[in-house]
mmCIF file of all heavy atoms, coordinates in Angstrom:
data_MODEL
# 
_entry.id   MODEL 
# 
loop_
_atom_site.group_PDB 
_atom_site.id 
_atom_site.type_symbol 
_atom_site.label_atom_id 
_atom_site.label_alt_id 
_atom_site.label_comp_id 
_atom_site.label_asym_id 
_atom_site.label_entity_id 
_atom_site.label_seq_id 
_atom_site.pdbx_PDB_ins_code 
_atom_site.Cartn_x 
_atom_site.Cartn_y 
_atom_site.Cartn_z 
_atom_site.occupancy 
_atom_site.B_iso_or_equiv 
_atom_site.pdbx_formal_charge 
_atom_site.auth_seq_id 
_atom_site.auth_comp_id 
_atom_site.auth_asym_id 
_atom_site.auth_atom_id 
_atom_site.pdbx_PDB_model_num 
ATOM 1   N N   . SER A 1 1  ? -11.368 10.899 -10.279 1.00 0.00 ? 1  SER A N   1 
ATOM 2   C CA  . SER A 1 1  ? -11.596 9.732  -9.615  1.00 0.00 ? 1  SER A CA  1 
ATOM 3   C C   . SER A 1 1  ? -12.302 8.622  -10.349 1.00 0.00 ? 1  SER A C   1 
ATOM 4   O O   . SER A 1 1  ? -12.976 8.992  -11.360 1.00 0.00 ? 1  SER A O   1 
ATOM 5   C CB  . SER A 1 1  ? -12.464 9.877  -8.322  1.00 0.00 ? 1  SER A CB  1 
ATOM 6   O OG  . SER A 1 1  ? -13.674 10.377 -8.613  1.00 0.00 ? 1  SER A OG  1 
ATOM 7   N N   . PHE A 1 2  ? -12.121 7.363  -10.145 1.00 0.00 ? 2  PHE A N   1 
ATOM 8   C CA  . PHE A 1 2  ? -12.718 6.307  -10.825 1.00 0.00 ? 2  PHE A CA  1 
ATOM 9   C C   . PHE A 1 2  ? -13.111 5.195  -9.861  1.00 0.00 ? 2  PHE A C   1 
ATOM 10  O O   . PHE A 1 2  ? -12.502 5.051  -8.783  1.00 0.00 ? 2  PHE A O   1 
ATOM 11  C CB  . PHE A 1 2  ? -11.808 5.719  -11.973 1.00 0.00 ? 2  PHE A CB  1 
ATOM 12  C CG  . PHE A 1 2  ? -10.368 5.512  -11.487 1.00 0.00 ? 2  PHE A CG  1 
ATOM 13  C CD1 . PHE A 1 2  ? -10.153 4.337  -10.678 1.00 0.00 ? 2  PHE A CD1 1 
ATOM 14  C CD2 . PHE A 1 2  ? -9.324  6.427  -11.714 1.00 0.00 ? 2  PHE A CD2 1 
ATOM 15  C CE1 . PHE A 1 2  ? -8.797  4.076  -10.314 1.00 0.00 ? 2  PHE A CE1 1 
ATOM 16  C CE2 . PHE A 1 2  ? -8.106  6.151  -11.208 1.00 0.00 ? 2  PHE A CE2 1 
ATOM 17  C CZ  . PHE A 1 2  ? -7.731  5.054  -10.492 1.00 0.00 ? 2  PHE A CZ  1 
ATOM 18  N N   . ARG A 1 3  ? -14.149 4.376  -10.202 1.00 0.00 ? 3  ARG A N   1 
ATOM 19  C CA  . ARG A 1 3  ? -14.681 3.341  -9.363  1.00 0.00 ? 3  ARG A CA  1 
ATOM 20  C C   . ARG A 1 3  ? -13.553 2.231  -9.349  1.00 0.00 ? 3  ARG A C   1 
ATOM 21  O O   . ARG A 1 3  ? -12.876 1.967  -10.391 1.00 0.00 ? 3  ARG A O   1 
ATOM 22  C CB  . ARG A 1 3  ? -15.973 2.788  -9.798  1.00 0.00 ? 3  ARG A CB  1 
ATOM 23  C CG  . ARG A 1 3  ? -17.120 3.819  -9.668  1.00 0.00 ? 3  ARG A CG  1 
ATOM 24  C CD  . ARG A 1 3  ? -18.390 3.161  -10.001 1.00 0.00 ? 3  ARG A CD  1 
ATOM 25  N NE  . ARG A 1 3  ? -19.539 4.151  -9.973  1.00 0.00 ? 3  ARG A NE  1 
ATOM 26  C CZ  . ARG A 1 3  ? -20.146 4.520  -8.786  1.00 0.00 ? 3  ARG A CZ  1 
ATOM 27  N NH1 . ARG A 1 3  ? -19.731 3.979  -7.715  1.00 0.00 ? 3  ARG A NH1 1 
ATOM 28  N NH2 . ARG A 1 3  ? -21.097 5.416  -8.822  1.00 0.00 ? 3  ARG A NH2 1 
ATOM 29  N N   . ILE A 1 4  ? -13.537 1.590  -8.141  1.00 0.00 ? 4  ILE A N   1 
ATOM 30  C CA  . ILE A 1 4  ? -12.716 0.328  -8.000  1.00 0.00 ? 4  ILE A CA  1 
ATOM 31  C C   . ILE A 1 4  ? -13.599 -0.867 -7.666  1.00 0.00 ? 4  ILE A C   1 
ATOM 32  O O   . ILE A 1 4  ? -14.718 -0.626 -7.070  1.00 0.00 ? 4  ILE A O   1 
ATOM 33  C CB  . ILE A 1 4  ? -11.640 0.531  -6.975  1.00 0.00 ? 4  ILE A CB  1 
ATOM 34  C CG1 . ILE A 1 4  ? -12.204 0.873  -5.608  1.00 0.00 ? 4  ILE A CG1 1 
ATOM 35  C CG2 . ILE A 1 4  ? -10.661 1.635  -7.379  1.00 0.00 ? 4  ILE A CG2 1 
ATOM 36  C CD1 . ILE A 1 4  ? -11.206 0.935  -4.506  1.00 0.00 ? 4  ILE A CD1 1 
ATOM 37  N N   . ASP A 1 5  ? -13.132 -1.975 -8.070  1.00 0.00 ? 5  ASP A N   1 
ATOM 38  C CA  . ASP A 1 5  ? -13.991 -3.207 -7.882  1.00 0.00 ? 5  ASP A CA  1 
ATOM 39  C C   . ASP A 1 5  ? -14.425 -3.484 -6.477  1.00 0.00 ? 5  ASP A C   1 
ATOM 40  O O   . ASP A 1 5  ? -15.465 -4.114 -6.076  1.00 0.00 ? 5  ASP A O   1 
ATOM 41  C CB  . ASP A 1 5  ? -13.283 -4.479 -8.466  1.00 0.00 ? 5  ASP A CB  1 
ATOM 42  C CG  . ASP A 1 5  ? -13.153 -4.342 -10.061 1.00 0.00 ? 5  ASP A CG  1 
ATOM 43  O OD1 . ASP A 1 5  ? -13.900 -3.441 -10.526 1.00 0.00 ? 5  ASP A OD1 1 
ATOM 44  O OD2 . ASP A 1 5  ? -12.370 -5.072 -10.559 1.00 0.00 ? 5  ASP A OD2 1 
ATOM 45  N N   . GLU A 1 6  ? -13.480 -3.152 -5.388  1.00 0.00 ? 6  GLU A N   1 
ATOM 46  C CA  . GLU A 1 6  ? -13.798 -3.409 -4.032  1.00 0.00 ? 6  GLU A CA  1 
ATOM 47  C C   . GLU A 1 6  ? -14.762 -2.456 -3.489  1.00 0.00 ? 6  GLU A C   1 
ATOM 48  O O   . GLU A 1 6  ? -15.057 -2.514 -2.241  1.00 0.00 ? 6  GLU A O   1 
ATOM 49  C CB  . GLU A 1 6  ? -12.461 -3.366 -3.246  1.00 0.00 ? 6  GLU A CB  1 
ATOM 50  C CG  . GLU A 1 6  ? -11.450 -4.482 -3.714  1.00 0.00 ? 6  GLU A CG  1 
ATOM 51  C CD  . GLU A 1 6  ? -11.876 -5.829 -3.041  1.00 0.00 ? 6  GLU A CD  1 
ATOM 52  O OE1 . GLU A 1 6  ? -12.333 -5.851 -1.831  1.00 0.00 ? 6  GLU A OE1 1 
ATOM 53  O OE2 . GLU A 1 6  ? -11.860 -6.751 -3.781  1.00 0.00 ? 6  GLU A OE2 1 
ATOM 54  N N   . GLY A 1 7  ? -15.179 -1.461 -4.191  1.00 0.00 ? 7  GLY A N   1 
ATOM 55  C CA  . GLY A 1 7  ? -16.059 -0.455 -3.702  1.00 0.00 ? 7  GLY A CA  1 
ATOM 56  C C   . GLY A 1 7  ? -15.254 0.826  -3.382  1.00 0.00 ? 7  GLY A C   1 
ATOM 57  O O   . GLY A 1 7  ? -14.209 0.856  -3.067  1.00 0.00 ? 7  GLY A O   1 
ATOM 58  N N   . GLY A 1 8  ? -15.905 2.034  -3.504  1.00 0.00 ? 8  GLY A N   1 
ATOM 59  C CA  . GLY A 1 8  ? -15.246 3.228  -3.426  1.00 0.00 ? 8  GLY A CA  1 
ATOM 60  C C   . GLY A 1 8  ? -14.539 3.726  -4.683  1.00 0.00 ? 8  GLY A C   1 
ATOM 61  O O   . GLY A 1 8  ? -14.938 3.290  -5.749  1.00 0.00 ? 8  GLY A O   1 
ATOM 62  N N   . PHE A 1 9  ? -13.503 4.552  -4.534  1.00 0.00 ? 9  PHE A N   1 
ATOM 63  C CA  . PHE A 1 9  ? -12.964 5.240  -5.692  1.00 0.00 ? 9  PHE A CA  1 
ATOM 64  C C   . PHE A 1 9  ? -11.474 5.307  -5.573  1.00 0.00 ? 9  PHE A C   1 
ATOM 65  O O   . PHE A 1 9  ? -10.898 5.198  -4.543  1.00 0.00 ? 9  PHE A O   1 
ATOM 66  C CB  . PHE A 1 9  ? -13.486 6.656  -5.897  1.00 0.00 ? 9  PHE A CB  1 
ATOM 67  C CG  . PHE A 1 9  ? -14.970 6.802  -6.245  1.00 0.00 ? 9  PHE A CG  1 
ATOM 68  C CD1 . PHE A 1 9  ? -15.926 6.704  -5.210  1.00 0.00 ? 9  PHE A CD1 1 
ATOM 69  C CD2 . PHE A 1 9  ? -15.399 7.005  -7.475  1.00 0.00 ? 9  PHE A CD2 1 
ATOM 70  C CE1 . PHE A 1 9  ? -17.297 6.686  -5.544  1.00 0.00 ? 9  PHE A CE1 1 
ATOM 71  C CE2 . PHE A 1 9  ? -16.639 6.930  -7.834  1.00 0.00 ? 9  PHE A CE2 1 
ATOM 72  C CZ  . PHE A 1 9  ? -17.713 6.824  -6.774  1.00 0.00 ? 9  PHE A CZ  1 
ATOM 73  N N   . GLY A 1 10 ? -10.794 5.183  -6.669  1.00 0.00 ? 10 GLY A N   1 
ATOM 74  C CA  . GLY A 1 10 ? -9.372  5.395  -6.880  1.00 0.00 ? 10 GLY A CA  1 
ATOM 75  C C   . GLY A 1 10 ? -9.061  6.650  -7.531  1.00 0.00 ? 10 GLY A C   1 
ATOM 76  O O   . GLY A 1 10 ? -9.919  7.223  -8.321  1.00 0.00 ? 10 GLY A O   1 
ATOM 77  N N   . GLN A 1 11 ? -7.852  7.111  -7.385  1.00 0.00 ? 11 GLN A N   1 
ATOM 78  C CA  . GLN A 1 11 ? -7.412  8.399  -7.993  1.00 0.00 ? 11 GLN A CA  1 
ATOM 79  C C   . GLN A 1 11 ? -5.869  8.456  -8.029  1.00 0.00 ? 11 GLN A C   1 
ATOM 80  O O   . GLN A 1 11 ? -5.165  8.141  -6.984  1.00 0.00 ? 11 GLN A O   1 
ATOM 81  C CB  . GLN A 1 11 ? -7.911  9.565  -7.181  1.00 0.00 ? 11 GLN A CB  1 
ATOM 82  C CG  . GLN A 1 11 ? -7.654  10.917 -7.841  1.00 0.00 ? 11 GLN A CG  1 
ATOM 83  C CD  . GLN A 1 11 ? -8.379  12.047 -7.012  1.00 0.00 ? 11 GLN A CD  1 
ATOM 84  O OE1 . GLN A 1 11 ? -8.625  11.850 -5.829  1.00 0.00 ? 11 GLN A OE1 1 
ATOM 85  N NE2 . GLN A 1 11 ? -8.647  13.089 -7.789  1.00 0.00 ? 11 GLN A NE2 1 
ATOM 86  N N   . TYR A 1 12 ? -5.312  8.801  -9.241  1.00 0.00 ? 12 TYR A N   1 
ATOM 87  C CA  . TYR A 1 12 ? -3.761  8.719  -9.313  1.00 0.00 ? 12 TYR A CA  1 
ATOM 88  C C   . TYR A 1 12 ? -3.348  10.078 -8.923  1.00 0.00 ? 12 TYR A C   1 
ATOM 89  O O   . TYR A 1 12 ? -3.923  11.167 -9.160  1.00 0.00 ? 12 TYR A O   1 
ATOM 90  C CB  . TYR A 1 12 ? -3.412  8.430  -10.802 1.00 0.00 ? 12 TYR A CB  1 
ATOM 91  C CG  . TYR A 1 12 ? -3.551  6.985  -11.051 1.00 0.00 ? 12 TYR A CG  1 
ATOM 92  C CD1 . TYR A 1 12 ? -4.545  6.527  -11.789 1.00 0.00 ? 12 TYR A CD1 1 
ATOM 93  C CD2 . TYR A 1 12 ? -2.620  6.066  -10.449 1.00 0.00 ? 12 TYR A CD2 1 
ATOM 94  C CE1 . TYR A 1 12 ? -4.675  5.138  -12.021 1.00 0.00 ? 12 TYR A CE1 1 
ATOM 95  C CE2 . TYR A 1 12 ? -2.723  4.627  -10.737 1.00 0.00 ? 12 TYR A CE2 1 
ATOM 96  C CZ  . TYR A 1 12 ? -3.742  4.214  -11.529 1.00 0.00 ? 12 TYR A CZ  1 
ATOM 97  O OH  . TYR A 1 12 ? -4.002  2.922  -11.781 1.00 0.00 ? 12 TYR A OH  1 
ATOM 98  N N   . ALA A 1 13 ? -2.104  10.118 -8.304  1.00 0.00 ? 13 ALA A N   1 
ATOM 99  C CA  . ALA A 1 13 ? -1.521  11.364 -7.739  1.00 0.00 ? 13 ALA A CA  1 
ATOM 100 C C   . ALA A 1 13 ? 0.007   11.245 -7.785  1.00 0.00 ? 13 ALA A C   1 
ATOM 101 O O   . ALA A 1 13 ? 0.527   10.120 -8.191  1.00 0.00 ? 13 ALA A O   1 
ATOM 102 C CB  . ALA A 1 13 ? -1.995  11.501 -6.314  1.00 0.00 ? 13 ALA A CB  1 
ATOM 103 N N   . CYS A 1 14 ? 0.652   12.322 -7.445  1.00 0.00 ? 14 CYS A N   1 
ATOM 104 C CA  . CYS A 1 14 ? 2.081   12.395 -7.483  1.00 0.00 ? 14 CYS A CA  1 
ATOM 105 C C   . CYS A 1 14 ? 2.736   12.806 -6.162  1.00 0.00 ? 14 CYS A C   1 
ATOM 106 O O   . CYS A 1 14 ? 2.065   13.705 -5.438  1.00 0.00 ? 14 CYS A O   1 
ATOM 107 C CB  . CYS A 1 14 ? 2.406   13.349 -8.582  1.00 0.00 ? 14 CYS A CB  1 
ATOM 108 S SG  . CYS A 1 14 ? 4.273   13.601 -8.720  1.00 0.00 ? 14 CYS A SG  1 
ATOM 109 N N   . ALA A 1 15 ? 3.806   12.339 -5.735  1.00 0.00 ? 15 ALA A N   1 
ATOM 110 C CA  . ALA A 1 15 ? 4.411   12.658 -4.453  1.00 0.00 ? 15 ALA A CA  1 
ATOM 111 C C   . ALA A 1 15 ? 5.957   12.406 -4.564  1.00 0.00 ? 15 ALA A C   1 
ATOM 112 O O   . ALA A 1 15 ? 6.400   11.710 -5.549  1.00 0.00 ? 15 ALA A O   1 
ATOM 113 C CB  . ALA A 1 15 ? 3.833   11.758 -3.320  1.00 0.00 ? 15 ALA A CB  1 
ATOM 114 N N   . ALA A 1 16 ? 6.757   12.784 -3.614  1.00 0.00 ? 16 ALA A N   1 
ATOM 115 C CA  . ALA A 1 16 ? 8.157   12.493 -3.620  1.00 0.00 ? 16 ALA A CA  1 
ATOM 116 C C   . ALA A 1 16 ? 8.458   11.011 -3.638  1.00 0.00 ? 16 ALA A C   1 
ATOM 117 O O   . ALA A 1 16 ? 9.486   10.573 -4.064  1.00 0.00 ? 16 ALA A O   1 
ATOM 118 C CB  . ALA A 1 16 ? 8.737   13.065 -2.461  1.00 0.00 ? 16 ALA A CB  1 
ATOM 119 N N   . GLN A 1 17 ? 7.447   10.238 -3.122  1.00 0.00 ? 17 GLN A N   1 
ATOM 120 C CA  . GLN A 1 17 ? 7.642   8.779  -3.106  1.00 0.00 ? 17 GLN A CA  1 
ATOM 121 C C   . GLN A 1 17 ? 7.338   8.167  -4.461  1.00 0.00 ? 17 GLN A C   1 
ATOM 122 O O   . GLN A 1 17 ? 7.472   6.958  -4.594  1.00 0.00 ? 17 GLN A O   1 
ATOM 123 C CB  . GLN A 1 17 ? 6.690   8.253  -1.945  1.00 0.00 ? 17 GLN A CB  1 
ATOM 124 C CG  . GLN A 1 17 ? 7.109   8.560  -0.605  1.00 0.00 ? 17 GLN A CG  1 
ATOM 125 C CD  . GLN A 1 17 ? 6.658   9.942  -0.198  1.00 0.00 ? 17 GLN A CD  1 
ATOM 126 O OE1 . GLN A 1 17 ? 6.061   10.720 -0.969  1.00 0.00 ? 17 GLN A OE1 1 
ATOM 127 N NE2 . GLN A 1 17 ? 7.021   10.360 1.051   1.00 0.00 ? 17 GLN A NE2 1 
ATOM 128 N N   . GLY A 1 18 ? 6.802   8.934  -5.382  1.00 0.00 ? 18 GLY A N   1 
ATOM 129 C CA  . GLY A 1 18 ? 6.580   8.393  -6.711  1.00 0.00 ? 18 GLY A CA  1 
ATOM 130 C C   . GLY A 1 18 ? 5.098   8.534  -7.021  1.00 0.00 ? 18 GLY A C   1 
ATOM 131 O O   . GLY A 1 18 ? 4.379   9.311  -6.481  1.00 0.00 ? 18 GLY A O   1 
ATOM 132 N N   . LEU A 1 19 ? 4.620   7.654  -8.005  1.00 0.00 ? 19 LEU A N   1 
ATOM 133 C CA  . LEU A 1 19 ? 3.231   7.590  -8.410  1.00 0.00 ? 19 LEU A CA  1 
ATOM 134 C C   . LEU A 1 19 ? 2.374   7.032  -7.340  1.00 0.00 ? 19 LEU A C   1 
ATOM 135 O O   . LEU A 1 19 ? 2.750   5.999  -6.597  1.00 0.00 ? 19 LEU A O   1 
ATOM 136 C CB  . LEU A 1 19 ? 3.128   6.750  -9.632  1.00 0.00 ? 19 LEU A CB  1 
ATOM 137 C CG  . LEU A 1 19 ? 1.667   6.695  -10.304 1.00 0.00 ? 19 LEU A CG  1 
ATOM 138 C CD1 . LEU A 1 19 ? 1.202   7.997  -10.699 1.00 0.00 ? 19 LEU A CD1 1 
ATOM 139 C CD2 . LEU A 1 19 ? 1.646   5.633  -11.335 1.00 0.00 ? 19 LEU A CD2 1 
ATOM 140 N N   . ILE A 1 20 ? 1.330   7.707  -6.915  1.00 0.00 ? 20 ILE A N   1 
ATOM 141 C CA  . ILE A 1 20 ? 0.502   7.300  -5.807  1.00 0.00 ? 20 ILE A CA  1 
ATOM 142 C C   . ILE A 1 20 ? -0.899  6.918  -6.365  1.00 0.00 ? 20 ILE A C   1 
ATOM 143 O O   . ILE A 1 20 ? -1.444  7.561  -7.284  1.00 0.00 ? 20 ILE A O   1 
ATOM 144 C CB  . ILE A 1 20 ? 0.326   8.441  -4.829  1.00 0.00 ? 20 ILE A CB  1 
ATOM 145 C CG1 . ILE A 1 20 ? 1.730   8.959  -4.295  1.00 0.00 ? 20 ILE A CG1 1 
ATOM 146 C CG2 . ILE A 1 20 ? -0.632  8.039  -3.678  1.00 0.00 ? 20 ILE A CG2 1 
ATOM 147 C CD1 . ILE A 1 20 ? 2.387   7.820  -3.387  1.00 0.00 ? 20 ILE A CD1 1 
ATOM 148 N N   . LEU A 1 21 ? -1.529  5.871  -5.783  1.00 0.00 ? 21 LEU A N   1 
ATOM 149 C CA  . LEU A 1 21 ? -2.929  5.494  -6.036  1.00 0.00 ? 21 LEU A CA  1 
ATOM 150 C C   . LEU A 1 21 ? -3.696  5.773  -4.822  1.00 0.00 ? 21 LEU A C   1 
ATOM 151 O O   . LEU A 1 21 ? -3.450  5.006  -3.786  1.00 0.00 ? 21 LEU A O   1 
ATOM 152 C CB  . LEU A 1 21 ? -2.980  3.996  -6.479  1.00 0.00 ? 21 LEU A CB  1 
ATOM 153 C CG  . LEU A 1 21 ? -4.382  3.485  -6.640  1.00 0.00 ? 21 LEU A CG  1 
ATOM 154 C CD1 . LEU A 1 21 ? -5.216  4.348  -7.688  1.00 0.00 ? 21 LEU A CD1 1 
ATOM 155 C CD2 . LEU A 1 21 ? -4.348  1.963  -7.040  1.00 0.00 ? 21 LEU A CD2 1 
ATOM 156 N N   . LEU A 1 22 ? -4.387  6.786  -4.749  1.00 0.00 ? 22 LEU A N   1 
ATOM 157 C CA  . LEU A 1 22 ? -5.247  7.182  -3.524  1.00 0.00 ? 22 LEU A CA  1 
ATOM 158 C C   . LEU A 1 22 ? -6.502  6.388  -3.539  1.00 0.00 ? 22 LEU A C   1 
ATOM 159 O O   . LEU A 1 22 ? -7.185  6.216  -4.676  1.00 0.00 ? 22 LEU A O   1 
ATOM 160 C CB  . LEU A 1 22 ? -5.591  8.666  -3.571  1.00 0.00 ? 22 LEU A CB  1 
ATOM 161 C CG  . LEU A 1 22 ? -4.450  9.655  -3.342  1.00 0.00 ? 22 LEU A CG  1 
ATOM 162 C CD1 . LEU A 1 22 ? -4.949  11.076 -3.512  1.00 0.00 ? 22 LEU A CD1 1 
ATOM 163 C CD2 . LEU A 1 22 ? -3.954  9.490  -1.915  1.00 0.00 ? 22 LEU A CD2 1 
ATOM 164 N N   . LEU A 1 23 ? -6.947  5.751  -2.517  1.00 0.00 ? 23 LEU A N   1 
ATOM 165 C CA  . LEU A 1 23 ? -8.201  4.965  -2.334  1.00 0.00 ? 23 LEU A CA  1 
ATOM 166 C C   . LEU A 1 23 ? -9.095  5.692  -1.384  1.00 0.00 ? 23 LEU A C   1 
ATOM 167 O O   . LEU A 1 23 ? -8.681  5.996  -0.366  1.00 0.00 ? 23 LEU A O   1 
ATOM 168 C CB  . LEU A 1 23 ? -7.857  3.488  -1.884  1.00 0.00 ? 23 LEU A CB  1 
ATOM 169 C CG  . LEU A 1 23 ? -6.996  2.676  -2.815  1.00 0.00 ? 23 LEU A CG  1 
ATOM 170 C CD1 . LEU A 1 23 ? -6.771  1.350  -2.202  1.00 0.00 ? 23 LEU A CD1 1 
ATOM 171 C CD2 . LEU A 1 23 ? -7.574  2.597  -4.199  1.00 0.00 ? 23 LEU A CD2 1 
ATOM 172 N N   . ALA A 1 24 ? -10.298 5.965  -1.871  1.00 0.00 ? 24 ALA A N   1 
ATOM 173 C CA  . ALA A 1 24 ? -11.362 6.567  -1.018  1.00 0.00 ? 24 ALA A CA  1 
ATOM 174 C C   . ALA A 1 24 ? -12.373 5.508  -0.857  1.00 0.00 ? 24 ALA A C   1 
ATOM 175 O O   . ALA A 1 24 ? -13.184 5.249  -1.743  1.00 0.00 ? 24 ALA A O   1 
ATOM 176 C CB  . ALA A 1 24 ? -11.864 7.803  -1.757  1.00 0.00 ? 24 ALA A CB  1 
ATOM 177 N N   . LYS A 1 25 ? -12.454 4.938  0.293   1.00 0.00 ? 25 LYS A N   1 
ATOM 178 C CA  . LYS A 1 25 ? -13.376 3.832  0.541   1.00 0.00 ? 25 LYS A CA  1 
ATOM 179 C C   . LYS A 1 25 ? -14.201 4.163  1.743   1.00 0.00 ? 25 LYS A C   1 
ATOM 180 O O   . LYS A 1 25 ? -13.900 4.999  2.615   1.00 0.00 ? 25 LYS A O   1 
ATOM 181 C CB  . LYS A 1 25 ? -12.646 2.524  0.765   1.00 0.00 ? 25 LYS A CB  1 
ATOM 182 C CG  . LYS A 1 25 ? -11.718 2.148  -0.375  1.00 0.00 ? 25 LYS A CG  1 
ATOM 183 C CD  . LYS A 1 25 ? -10.842 0.877  0.029   1.00 0.00 ? 25 LYS A CD  1 
ATOM 184 C CE  . LYS A 1 25 ? -11.565 -0.313 0.321   1.00 0.00 ? 25 LYS A CE  1 
ATOM 185 N NZ  . LYS A 1 25 ? -10.761 -1.413 0.557   1.00 0.00 ? 25 LYS A NZ  1 
ATOM 186 N N   . GLY A 1 26 ? -15.361 3.529  1.826   1.00 0.00 ? 26 GLY A N   1 
ATOM 187 C CA  . GLY A 1 26 ? -16.316 3.798  2.973   1.00 0.00 ? 26 GLY A CA  1 
ATOM 188 C C   . GLY A 1 26 ? -16.811 5.179  2.920   1.00 0.00 ? 26 GLY A C   1 
ATOM 189 O O   . GLY A 1 26 ? -17.299 5.691  1.904   1.00 0.00 ? 26 GLY A O   1 
ATOM 190 N N   . GLY A 1 27 ? -16.581 5.966  4.002   1.00 0.00 ? 27 GLY A N   1 
ATOM 191 C CA  . GLY A 1 27 ? -16.990 7.367  3.979   1.00 0.00 ? 27 GLY A CA  1 
ATOM 192 C C   . GLY A 1 27 ? -15.970 8.359  3.559   1.00 0.00 ? 27 GLY A C   1 
ATOM 193 O O   . GLY A 1 27 ? -16.091 9.560  3.618   1.00 0.00 ? 27 GLY A O   1 
# 
């Protein structure tokens, strides 16, 4: 995971839909 400017964390992932950017914000 890595910090994002809006607060919280981002994380790259893979799915059938393609490249995914997961966002973990708030709790």
